[in-house]
Amino acid sequence: MRKRDPRWLTASERARVAAELIEEAESLTRTGGIATPAEVSRDQRVPPVRMATPAVSGDPSTQSPPPPPMPLTPAPVPPEVIARKAAARRDWDGALAALDMALGSAPDDTGLRLERASILSSISRFAAARRDLEFVLERDPAHVDALTALGVVLSRKGLWVDALPHLKRAVELEPGRPGVWYQLGESLNHLDDLSGARAAYERAVELDPAHSRALYGLGIVLDRMNRPQDATHMYRRSREAASR
């Protein structure tokens, strides 16, 4: 500045400027001294925690984002489903292991018992299958599926007489099942009750005209009753139904 340039100042003005500079230097000396220990300690403290101000309702720009959704835990697969999938792959050991594990914690579950009996029967472990089915029938004597399955198990073991009452009881409880009528016809045929077997097979065919095994069984009974032409007709129908 021109007034600060010594060339433009008078002697009195230069003396005044010098006095102002000396006063300013003394002021800086007083305020810029070495910090005291208390000041150093104060400066090293942790800054105070600042609380976030709640967002004002209605202002999206100040609202915090919602927390991320919690991951969903998949529902456990029922053991009978695991067993069926394993059985479809013919993994009998895997199917039985799944059911055995489930029955270990729920030994009175009749549904699991039926599933296991079905697999045991399919691999010809009839004694074990029979135990499971009898277990179910002790708790529910009118269980049609268990009655039918036990009749089939006994039939496959050649115990036709023992199978008969279970199959008869099953058709009494639910007369609309062609498969049960067919199994009853099989037992009666093996016990040489030809008229009873014929009636059971015919009932199965009435309920399901395409039941190839019932048609074939009816042909066998008619053959045994010395009716070869009728038997031949039934055999033909059986082949046609099986090829569909």
Protein backbone atom coordinates (compact mmCIF):
# COMPACT_ATOMS: atom_id res chain seq x y z
CA MET A 1 0.00 0.00 0.00
CA ARG A 2 1.19 3.48 -0.66
CA LYS A 3 0.73 4.69 2.91
CA ARG A 4 2.90 1.76 4.09
CA ASP A 5 5.70 2.57 1.65
CA PRO A 6 8.40 4.54 3.47
CA ARG A 7 8.81 6.77 0.43
CA TRP A 8 5.31 8.12 0.92
CA LEU A 9 5.32 8.50 4.70
CA THR A 10 6.46 11.40 6.78
CA ALA A 11 8.67 10.87 9.81
CA SER A 12 5.72 11.06 12.19
CA GLU A 13 3.68 8.61 10.15
CA ARG A 14 6.60 6.16 9.99
CA ALA A 15 6.90 6.36 13.77
CA ARG A 16 3.16 5.62 14.16
CA VAL A 17 3.36 2.61 11.79
CA ALA A 18 6.38 1.27 13.67
CA ALA A 19 4.46 1.54 16.95
CA GLU A 20 1.51 -0.36 15.45
CA LEU A 21 3.80 -3.17 14.21
CA ILE A 22 5.47 -3.50 17.63
CA GLU A 23 2.05 -3.69 19.33
CA GLU A 24 0.90 -6.40 16.86
CA ALA A 25 4.08 -8.47 17.49
CA GLU A 26 3.56 -8.30 21.25
CA SER A 27 -0.04 -9.44 20.81
CA LEU A 28 1.05 -12.46 18.75
CA THR A 29 3.65 -13.36 21.39
CA ARG A 30 1.03 -13.36 24.14
CA THR A 31 -1.51 -15.52 22.22
CA GLY A 32 0.90 -17.88 20.40
CA GLY A 33 2.89 -19.21 23.36
CA ILE A 34 3.64 -22.85 24.19
CA ALA A 35 0.55 -24.84 25.15
CA THR A 36 0.17 -25.93 28.76
CA PRO A 37 -0.04 -29.65 29.79
CA ALA A 38 -3.74 -29.22 30.56
CA GLU A 39 -4.35 -27.95 27.03
CA VAL A 40 -2.41 -30.85 25.52
CA SER A 41 -4.41 -33.33 27.61
CA ARG A 42 -7.65 -31.66 26.56
CA ASP A 43 -6.72 -31.86 22.88
CA GLN A 44 -5.96 -35.60 23.14
CA ARG A 45 -9.38 -36.53 24.52
CA VAL A 46 -11.82 -38.62 22.42
CA PRO A 47 -14.28 -36.35 20.66
CA PRO A 48 -17.78 -36.40 22.13
CA VAL A 49 -20.28 -38.85 20.58
CA ARG A 50 -22.70 -37.14 18.31
CA MET A 51 -26.23 -38.58 18.22
CA ALA A 52 -27.85 -38.73 14.83
CA THR A 53 -30.84 -36.48 14.52
CA PRO A 54 -34.01 -38.48 13.75
CA ALA A 55 -35.21 -38.06 10.22
CA VAL A 56 -38.13 -35.80 9.78
CA SER A 57 -41.26 -37.60 8.69
CA GLY A 58 -42.22 -36.95 5.12
CA ASP A 59 -38.75 -36.00 3.91
CA PRO A 60 -37.33 -39.03 1.98
CA SER A 61 -33.93 -37.40 1.61
CA THR A 62 -33.36 -37.42 5.39
CA GLN A 63 -34.75 -40.89 6.13
CA SER A 64 -32.28 -43.72 6.73
CA PRO A 65 -32.56 -46.76 4.39
CA PRO A 66 -34.46 -49.80 5.74
CA PRO A 67 -32.38 -52.69 7.09
CA PRO A 68 -31.70 -55.53 4.64
CA PRO A 69 -34.22 -58.41 4.81
CA MET A 70 -33.25 -61.44 6.84
CA PRO A 71 -32.48 -64.53 4.70
CA LEU A 72 -35.29 -67.09 4.70
CA THR A 73 -34.51 -70.53 6.08
CA PRO A 74 -35.85 -73.25 3.76
CA ALA A 75 -38.43 -75.55 5.28
CA PRO A 76 -37.13 -79.02 6.10
CA VAL A 77 -38.03 -81.74 3.62
CA PRO A 78 -40.34 -84.37 5.19
CA PRO A 79 -38.60 -87.74 5.60
CA GLU A 80 -41.28 -89.58 3.67
CA VAL A 81 -40.58 -87.31 0.67
CA ILE A 82 -36.86 -88.07 0.97
CA ALA A 83 -37.67 -91.78 1.19
CA ARG A 84 -39.91 -91.68 -1.90
CA LYS A 85 -37.26 -89.90 -3.95
CA ALA A 86 -34.66 -92.42 -2.83
CA ALA A 87 -37.03 -95.31 -3.60
CA ALA A 88 -37.68 -93.86 -7.08
CA ARG A 89 -33.93 -94.14 -7.65
CA ARG A 90 -34.08 -97.67 -6.19
CA ASP A 91 -31.89 -96.49 -3.37
CA TRP A 92 -33.58 -98.79 -0.87
CA ASP A 93 -30.96 -98.34 1.82
CA GLY A 94 -31.21 -94.55 1.60
CA ALA A 95 -35.01 -94.67 1.74
CA LEU A 96 -35.04 -96.96 4.77
CA ALA A 97 -32.36 -94.89 6.52
CA ALA A 98 -34.47 -91.73 6.16
CA LEU A 99 -37.56 -93.47 7.54
CA ASP A 100 -35.66 -95.16 10.36
CA MET A 101 -34.25 -91.81 11.45
CA ALA A 102 -37.69 -90.20 11.40
CA LEU A 103 -39.28 -93.07 13.32
CA GLY A 104 -36.55 -92.77 15.92
CA SER A 105 -38.08 -89.47 17.03
CA ALA A 106 -41.72 -90.33 16.15
CA PRO A 107 -42.16 -94.10 16.62
CA ASP A 108 -45.97 -93.92 16.64
CA ASP A 109 -46.29 -92.15 13.29
CA THR A 110 -48.50 -94.50 11.25
CA GLY A 111 -47.77 -92.69 7.99
CA LEU A 112 -44.05 -93.35 8.36
CA ARG A 113 -44.76 -96.96 9.27
CA LEU A 114 -46.81 -97.42 6.11
CA GLU A 115 -44.08 -95.85 3.97
CA ARG A 116 -41.48 -98.15 5.46
CA ALA A 117 -43.70 -101.22 5.09
CA SER A 118 -44.21 -100.43 1.40
CA ILE A 119 -40.46 -100.25 0.78
CA LEU A 120 -39.76 -103.37 2.84
CA SER A 121 -42.40 -105.27 0.89
CA SER A 122 -40.96 -104.13 -2.44
CA ILE A 123 -37.58 -105.66 -1.53
CA SER A 124 -39.21 -108.87 -0.21
CA ARG A 125 -38.54 -108.17 3.46
CA PHE A 126 -42.03 -109.37 4.30
CA ALA A 127 -41.56 -110.13 8.00
CA ALA A 128 -40.40 -106.60 8.75
CA ALA A 129 -43.16 -105.13 6.58
CA ARG A 130 -45.74 -107.24 8.40
CA ARG A 131 -44.58 -105.91 11.79
CA ASP A 132 -45.04 -102.31 10.67
CA LEU A 133 -48.49 -103.00 9.22
CA GLU A 134 -49.68 -104.85 12.29
CA PHE A 135 -48.40 -101.95 14.39
CA VAL A 136 -50.63 -99.58 12.39
CA LEU A 137 -53.67 -101.87 12.63
CA GLU A 138 -53.30 -102.20 16.39
CA ARG A 139 -53.89 -98.46 16.60
CA ASP A 140 -56.42 -98.21 13.75
CA PRO A 141 -58.12 -101.52 12.89
CA ALA A 142 -60.11 -99.83 10.10
CA HIS A 143 -57.09 -98.47 8.22
CA VAL A 144 -57.89 -99.62 4.67
CA ASP A 145 -54.41 -99.04 3.27
CA ALA A 146 -52.82 -101.06 6.06
CA LEU A 147 -55.41 -103.85 5.69
CA THR A 148 -54.79 -104.07 1.96
CA ALA A 149 -51.02 -103.92 2.30
CA LEU A 150 -51.02 -106.64 4.95
CA GLY A 151 -53.22 -108.81 2.73
CA VAL A 152 -50.73 -108.36 -0.13
CA VAL A 153 -47.74 -109.13 2.11
CA LEU A 154 -49.35 -112.32 3.39
CA SER A 155 -50.36 -113.32 -0.13
CA ARG A 156 -46.81 -112.89 -1.40
CA LYS A 157 -45.65 -115.19 1.38
CA GLY A 158 -48.24 -117.76 0.24
CA LEU A 159 -50.38 -117.27 3.36
CA TRP A 160 -53.63 -116.96 1.43
CA VAL A 161 -55.86 -118.00 4.31
CA ASP A 162 -54.31 -115.36 6.57
CA ALA A 163 -54.60 -112.69 3.89
CA LEU A 164 -58.29 -113.30 3.18
CA PRO A 165 -59.90 -111.64 6.26
CA HIS A 166 -57.84 -108.49 5.85
CA LEU A 167 -58.84 -108.11 2.20
CA LYS A 168 -62.50 -108.83 2.92
CA ARG A 169 -62.49 -106.22 5.66
CA ALA A 170 -60.88 -103.70 3.32
CA VAL A 171 -63.57 -104.07 0.62
CA GLU A 172 -66.27 -103.84 3.28
CA LEU A 173 -64.89 -100.53 4.48
CA GLU A 174 -64.22 -99.09 1.02
CA PRO A 175 -65.97 -101.06 -1.74
CA GLY A 176 -64.94 -98.64 -4.49
CA ARG A 177 -61.29 -99.72 -4.79
CA PRO A 178 -60.68 -101.97 -7.82
CA GLY A 179 -57.16 -102.87 -6.66
CA VAL A 180 -58.45 -104.32 -3.40
CA TRP A 181 -61.09 -106.38 -5.25
CA TYR A 182 -58.36 -107.72 -7.49
CA GLN A 183 -56.24 -108.78 -4.49
CA LEU A 184 -59.30 -110.46 -2.96
CA GLY A 185 -59.89 -112.32 -6.21
CA GLU A 186 -56.27 -113.53 -6.16
CA SER A 187 -56.63 -114.94 -2.65
CA LEU A 188 -59.95 -116.65 -3.41
CA ASN A 189 -58.57 -118.12 -6.64
CA HIS A 190 -55.59 -119.62 -4.79
CA LEU A 191 -57.98 -121.05 -2.21
CA ASP A 192 -60.04 -122.67 -5.03
CA ASP A 193 -63.12 -120.53 -4.34
CA LEU A 194 -63.75 -120.03 -8.06
CA SER A 195 -67.16 -118.42 -7.80
CA GLY A 196 -65.95 -115.99 -5.15
CA ALA A 197 -62.81 -115.21 -7.17
CA ARG A 198 -64.85 -114.63 -10.31
CA ALA A 199 -67.18 -112.23 -8.47
CA ALA A 200 -64.21 -110.30 -7.02
CA TYR A 201 -62.47 -110.02 -10.40
CA GLU A 202 -65.66 -108.93 -12.12
CA ARG A 203 -66.23 -106.26 -9.50
CA ALA A 204 -62.70 -104.95 -10.08
CA VAL A 205 -63.36 -104.80 -13.84
CA GLU A 206 -66.66 -102.98 -13.28
CA LEU A 207 -64.84 -100.30 -11.32
CA ASP A 208 -61.91 -100.18 -13.76
CA PRO A 209 -62.59 -101.70 -17.21
CA ALA A 210 -58.90 -101.29 -18.11
CA HIS A 211 -57.61 -103.25 -15.11
CA SER A 212 -55.46 -105.69 -17.09
CA ARG A 213 -54.53 -107.93 -14.15
CA ALA A 214 -58.14 -108.34 -13.05
CA LEU A 215 -59.09 -109.23 -16.64
CA TYR A 216 -56.29 -111.79 -16.78
CA GLY A 217 -57.32 -113.27 -13.43
CA LEU A 218 -60.87 -113.54 -14.65
CA GLY A 219 -59.62 -115.40 -17.72
CA ILE A 220 -57.79 -117.90 -15.47
CA VAL A 221 -60.92 -118.50 -13.38
CA LEU A 222 -63.03 -119.02 -16.49
CA ASP A 223 -60.43 -121.48 -17.81
CA ARG A 224 -60.63 -123.38 -14.54
CA MET A 225 -64.43 -123.39 -14.85
CA ASN A 226 -64.12 -125.05 -18.30
CA ARG A 227 -65.18 -121.98 -20.23
CA PRO A 228 -62.28 -121.62 -22.69
CA GLN A 229 -64.00 -119.27 -25.15
CA ASP A 230 -64.91 -116.80 -22.41
CA ALA A 231 -61.41 -117.17 -20.97
CA THR A 232 -59.84 -116.39 -24.36
CA HIS A 233 -61.96 -113.27 -24.65
CA MET A 234 -60.73 -112.09 -21.24
CA TYR A 235 -57.10 -112.77 -22.12
CA ARG A 236 -57.54 -110.68 -25.26
CA ARG A 237 -59.06 -107.81 -23.29
CA SER A 238 -56.23 -108.03 -20.78
CA ARG A 239 -53.58 -107.70 -23.51
CA GLU A 240 -55.40 -104.76 -25.06
CA ALA A 241 -55.68 -102.98 -21.70
CA ALA A 242 -52.01 -103.60 -20.89
CA SER A 243 -50.87 -102.18 -24.25
CA ARG A 244 -52.66 -98.86 -23.79
